[in-house]
Amino acid sequence: MTRIEDLTQSELWDATAAAEYDTPGEGMFAPEVLGPTVERLAALADGGRALEFAIGTGRVAIPLAQQVPVTGIEFSEPMVAQLRTKVGEAELPVVVGDMATAEAGLGDYGLVYLVFNTIANLLTQDEQVACFANAARHLRPGGAFVIELWVPELRKLPPGAPGTLWRADDGYVGLDTYDVLNQRVVSHHFRFGDGREATLGRTPHRYIWPAELDLMARLAGFALESRHADFAGAEFTAESRSHVSVYRLPA
């Protein structure tokens, strides 16, 4: 049996995943989530060009491109194909490649951003460090790198238990199983239909503490400018489940 951790990113983010990714008006596509995200990123771009690492199907990039020029990098060709059903290459250019290494015009951007936990899709510390270095290479002096990332919920992990339940709604249950030795987590998404109908989706991640993220940033020449609990600017506290961190290169 193939373990989920052994699947490549191409196998994980295939045509099925791309077709099911968008949830218009709900979840991360809800206006109350997407609106503040786009507003904050547009302000940080400060009139310059923006580059999205792991642009996916364009959830953030398409509305952001109405305010500032946006380019994307995306590893999954099916995700790019889904994006292309909404907007053309001229309006939103995308380079197909790994966000830790791919190039899309070095030194040209005022903003590089990574949203919705995507840096954790890189499953080694070396790849995550390389992602910061790649962001720095694409930014002009004084440019910003923004990361939205969840906080590992290890405080909720009972001794001897392998995982935590983080959401349980009608029709959906989400839980994470942890490998604390290797700093890995697998997210399990159970969706329920009529009667006995159910589907399971799983994604592996390497979780990162905020302090480790800050050190990765320093290695690439960044300094932490701000950290909030969300894009709307809520205070980041010990109880926050996620954070939006803004790193800045020297001017």
Protein backbone atom coordinates (compact mmCIF):
# COMPACT_ATOMS: atom_id res chain seq x y z
CA MET A 1 0.00 0.00 0.00
CA THR A 2 1.34 3.43 -0.95
CA ARG A 3 1.49 5.84 1.96
CA ILE A 4 0.03 9.31 1.46
CA GLU A 5 3.41 10.75 2.49
CA ASP A 6 5.06 8.97 -0.45
CA LEU A 7 2.83 10.45 -3.15
CA THR A 8 4.30 13.20 -5.31
CA GLN A 9 2.71 16.64 -5.49
CA SER A 10 1.56 15.79 -9.02
CA GLU A 11 -0.24 12.72 -7.71
CA LEU A 12 -1.82 14.64 -4.84
CA TRP A 13 -2.97 17.65 -6.88
CA ASP A 14 -4.34 15.79 -9.88
CA ALA A 15 -7.32 16.52 -12.15
CA THR A 16 -9.80 15.22 -9.57
CA ALA A 17 -8.41 17.47 -6.84
CA ALA A 18 -8.43 20.45 -9.19
CA ALA A 19 -12.04 19.85 -10.25
CA GLU A 20 -13.18 19.66 -6.63
CA TYR A 21 -11.04 22.48 -5.23
CA ASP A 22 -13.29 25.50 -5.74
CA THR A 23 -16.19 26.12 -3.33
CA PRO A 24 -17.61 29.44 -4.59
CA GLY A 25 -19.00 31.60 -1.80
CA GLU A 26 -18.12 29.10 0.93
CA GLY A 27 -15.14 28.23 3.13
CA MET A 28 -11.97 29.92 1.95
CA PHE A 29 -13.95 31.33 -1.01
CA ALA A 30 -16.41 33.12 1.30
CA PRO A 31 -16.46 36.91 0.81
CA GLU A 32 -15.64 37.53 4.47
CA VAL A 33 -12.45 35.47 4.03
CA LEU A 34 -11.43 36.46 0.52
CA GLY A 35 -12.23 40.17 0.82
CA PRO A 36 -9.78 41.03 3.63
CA THR A 37 -7.14 38.78 2.04
CA VAL A 38 -7.20 40.63 -1.27
CA GLU A 39 -7.44 44.04 0.40
CA ARG A 40 -4.38 43.41 2.60
CA LEU A 41 -2.28 41.94 -0.22
CA ALA A 42 -3.10 44.83 -2.53
CA ALA A 43 -1.97 47.29 0.14
CA LEU A 44 1.29 45.38 0.68
CA ALA A 45 1.99 45.32 -3.06
CA ASP A 46 1.99 49.13 -2.83
CA GLY A 47 1.34 49.59 -6.54
CA GLY A 48 4.01 47.09 -7.61
CA ARG A 49 3.72 43.65 -9.15
CA ALA A 50 2.69 40.64 -7.05
CA LEU A 51 3.78 37.01 -7.37
CA GLU A 52 1.76 34.16 -5.86
CA PHE A 53 3.56 30.94 -5.01
CA ALA A 54 1.21 27.96 -5.49
CA ILE A 55 -1.44 30.00 -7.25
CA GLY A 56 -3.78 27.01 -7.56
CA THR A 57 -7.04 27.77 -9.32
CA GLY A 58 -6.70 31.51 -8.78
CA ARG A 59 -8.84 31.96 -5.67
CA VAL A 60 -6.83 34.98 -4.51
CA ALA A 61 -4.92 35.96 -7.64
CA ILE A 62 -7.94 36.58 -9.88
CA PRO A 63 -9.59 39.22 -7.67
CA LEU A 64 -6.17 40.66 -6.69
CA ALA A 65 -5.27 41.07 -10.37
CA GLN A 66 -8.09 43.60 -10.66
CA GLN A 67 -5.98 45.91 -8.47
CA VAL A 68 -2.31 45.04 -9.15
CA PRO A 69 -0.47 42.99 -11.81
CA VAL A 70 -0.19 39.35 -10.64
CA THR A 71 1.92 36.44 -11.84
CA GLY A 72 1.76 32.89 -10.45
CA ILE A 73 3.91 29.83 -9.95
CA GLU A 74 2.10 26.49 -9.71
CA PHE A 75 3.36 22.90 -9.71
CA SER A 76 0.05 21.24 -10.66
CA GLU A 77 -0.87 21.50 -14.33
CA PRO A 78 -4.50 20.42 -13.62
CA MET A 79 -4.84 23.32 -11.16
CA VAL A 80 -3.53 25.71 -13.81
CA ALA A 81 -5.97 24.23 -16.34
CA GLN A 82 -8.81 24.93 -13.91
CA LEU A 83 -7.57 28.51 -13.50
CA ARG A 84 -7.53 28.89 -17.28
CA THR A 85 -11.30 28.25 -17.40
CA LYS A 86 -11.65 31.60 -15.59
CA VAL A 87 -8.88 33.85 -16.92
CA GLY A 88 -6.39 33.83 -19.78
CA GLU A 89 -2.58 33.88 -19.82
CA ALA A 90 -2.45 37.53 -20.84
CA GLU A 91 -4.44 38.62 -17.81
CA LEU A 92 -2.75 36.27 -15.34
CA PRO A 93 0.52 34.61 -16.45
CA VAL A 94 1.56 31.41 -14.67
CA VAL A 95 4.88 29.55 -14.64
CA VAL A 96 4.48 25.79 -14.12
CA GLY A 97 7.09 24.70 -11.60
CA ASP A 98 8.11 24.19 -7.98
CA MET A 99 7.68 27.29 -5.82
CA ALA A 100 11.00 26.55 -4.09
CA THR A 101 12.99 26.78 -7.32
CA ALA A 102 10.96 28.08 -10.30
CA GLU A 103 11.67 31.54 -11.72
CA ALA A 104 9.13 34.11 -12.88
CA GLY A 105 11.15 37.28 -13.38
CA LEU A 106 13.77 37.76 -10.66
CA GLY A 107 13.82 41.05 -8.78
CA ASP A 108 10.64 42.32 -10.41
CA TYR A 109 8.10 42.20 -7.58
CA GLY A 110 7.02 44.30 -4.65
CA LEU A 111 5.15 41.37 -3.10
CA VAL A 112 5.45 37.59 -3.03
CA TYR A 113 2.76 35.72 -1.12
CA LEU A 114 1.82 32.20 -0.03
CA VAL A 115 -1.68 31.68 1.36
CA PHE A 116 -3.74 28.97 3.03
CA ASN A 117 -0.92 26.93 4.61
CA THR A 118 0.69 26.09 1.28
CA ILE A 119 4.32 26.36 2.40
CA ALA A 120 3.61 23.24 4.50
CA ASN A 121 3.09 21.29 1.25
CA LEU A 122 6.89 21.33 0.99
CA LEU A 123 7.70 18.27 3.06
CA THR A 124 11.29 18.96 4.11
CA GLN A 125 12.92 21.80 5.98
CA ASP A 126 15.42 22.25 3.16
CA GLU A 127 12.61 22.82 0.64
CA GLN A 128 10.91 25.31 2.94
CA VAL A 129 14.16 27.23 3.45
CA ALA A 130 14.64 27.23 -0.34
CA CYS A 131 11.15 28.69 -0.73
CA PHE A 132 12.15 31.71 1.35
CA ALA A 133 15.32 32.13 -0.69
CA ASN A 134 13.30 31.95 -3.91
CA ALA A 135 10.91 34.61 -2.64
CA ALA A 136 13.86 36.88 -1.82
CA ARG A 137 15.29 36.39 -5.32
CA HIS A 138 12.03 37.56 -6.90
CA LEU A 139 11.59 40.66 -4.76
CA ARG A 140 12.96 44.11 -5.34
CA PRO A 141 14.72 45.82 -2.37
CA GLY A 142 12.19 46.58 0.36
CA GLY A 143 9.75 43.99 -0.99
CA ALA A 144 7.45 41.91 1.23
CA PHE A 145 6.92 38.16 1.55
CA VAL A 146 3.59 37.17 3.11
CA ILE A 147 2.80 33.72 4.51
CA GLU A 148 -0.55 32.52 5.85
CA LEU A 149 -0.05 29.40 7.96
CA TRP A 150 -1.79 27.39 10.64
CA VAL A 151 -0.31 26.87 14.10
CA PRO A 152 0.30 23.18 14.94
CA GLU A 153 -2.22 22.07 17.55
CA LEU A 154 0.13 19.86 19.54
CA ARG A 155 -1.15 21.27 22.83
CA LYS A 156 -4.44 19.49 22.04
CA LEU A 157 -2.71 16.15 21.41
CA PRO A 158 -3.35 13.87 24.43
CA PRO A 159 -0.41 11.68 25.54
CA GLY A 160 -0.33 8.55 23.41
CA ALA A 161 -3.00 9.81 20.98
CA PRO A 162 -2.06 10.08 17.29
CA GLY A 163 -4.24 12.98 16.23
CA THR A 164 -6.63 15.85 16.88
CA LEU A 165 -10.15 16.62 15.69
CA TRP A 166 -10.24 20.20 14.47
CA ARG A 167 -13.64 20.48 12.83
CA ALA A 168 -16.93 18.57 12.91
CA ASP A 169 -19.89 19.95 10.96
CA ASP A 170 -22.90 18.46 9.23
CA GLY A 171 -21.43 16.74 6.22
CA TYR A 172 -17.78 17.28 7.16
CA VAL A 173 -15.20 16.08 9.69
CA GLY A 174 -11.56 17.19 9.69
CA LEU A 175 -8.77 15.65 11.73
CA ASP A 176 -4.98 15.69 11.74
CA THR A 177 -2.63 12.82 12.60
CA TYR A 178 0.85 13.76 13.76
CA ASP A 179 4.32 12.30 13.39
CA VAL A 180 6.04 14.49 15.99
CA LEU A 181 9.43 12.82 15.49
CA ASN A 182 9.60 13.98 11.87
CA GLN A 183 7.45 17.12 12.22
CA ARG A 184 4.85 15.77 9.80
CA VAL A 185 1.07 15.85 9.83
CA VAL A 186 -1.55 14.29 7.57
CA SER A 187 -4.85 16.15 7.26
CA HIS A 188 -7.90 13.92 6.78
CA HIS A 189 -11.05 15.42 5.22
CA PHE A 190 -14.21 13.31 5.53
CA ARG A 191 -17.21 14.51 3.53
CA PHE A 192 -20.61 12.86 3.88
CA GLY A 193 -23.46 12.67 1.40
CA ASP A 194 -26.81 10.90 1.55
CA GLY A 195 -27.12 7.73 3.58
CA ARG A 196 -23.81 5.88 3.74
CA GLU A 197 -22.15 7.98 1.06
CA ALA A 198 -18.76 9.34 2.17
CA THR A 199 -15.46 10.44 0.66
CA LEU A 200 -12.01 10.85 2.18
CA GLY A 201 -9.32 13.25 1.07
CA ARG A 202 -5.87 13.33 2.65
CA THR A 203 -2.92 15.71 2.34
CA PRO A 204 0.54 15.46 3.98
CA HIS A 205 2.35 18.49 5.39
CA ARG A 206 5.46 19.47 7.28
CA TYR A 207 4.29 21.73 10.08
CA ILE A 208 6.29 24.81 11.05
CA TRP A 209 6.26 26.76 14.31
CA PRO A 210 6.22 30.56 13.94
CA ALA A 211 9.70 30.79 15.51
CA GLU A 212 11.11 28.33 12.97
CA LEU A 213 9.45 30.27 10.16
CA ASP A 214 11.11 33.47 11.42
CA LEU A 215 14.51 31.78 11.36
CA MET A 216 13.95 30.62 7.78
CA ALA A 217 13.15 34.23 6.94
CA ARG A 218 16.34 35.52 8.55
CA LEU A 219 18.42 33.02 6.57
CA ALA A 220 17.00 34.54 3.37
CA GLY A 221 17.63 38.13 4.48
CA PHE A 222 14.12 38.99 5.69
CA ALA A 223 12.99 40.63 8.92
CA LEU A 224 9.57 40.06 10.47
CA GLU A 225 7.46 43.18 10.00
CA SER A 226 4.14 42.06 11.47
CA ARG A 227 2.14 39.02 12.54
CA HIS A 228 -1.63 38.85 12.94
CA ALA A 229 -4.17 36.08 13.42
CA ASP A 230 -5.78 36.73 10.04
CA PHE A 231 -5.77 39.06 7.05
CA ALA A 232 -8.27 41.36 8.76
CA GLY A 233 -5.61 42.24 11.34
CA ALA A 234 -6.86 40.40 14.42
CA GLU A 235 -4.31 40.16 17.23
CA PHE A 236 -2.10 37.08 17.20
CA THR A 237 -2.18 35.36 20.60
CA ALA A 238 -1.21 32.05 22.18
CA GLU A 239 -4.72 30.82 21.32
CA SER A 240 -4.62 31.76 17.63
CA ARG A 241 -5.02 28.81 15.26
CA SER A 242 -3.27 30.50 12.35
CA HIS A 243 -1.23 33.56 11.49
CA VAL A 244 -0.46 35.94 8.66
CA SER A 245 3.22 36.90 8.82
CA VAL A 246 4.72 39.72 6.77
CA TYR A 247 8.48 39.63 6.14
CA ARG A 248 10.40 42.47 4.58
CA LEU A 249 13.72 42.73 2.71
CA PRO A 250 16.00 45.69 3.45
CA ALA A 251 15.28 48.67 1.21
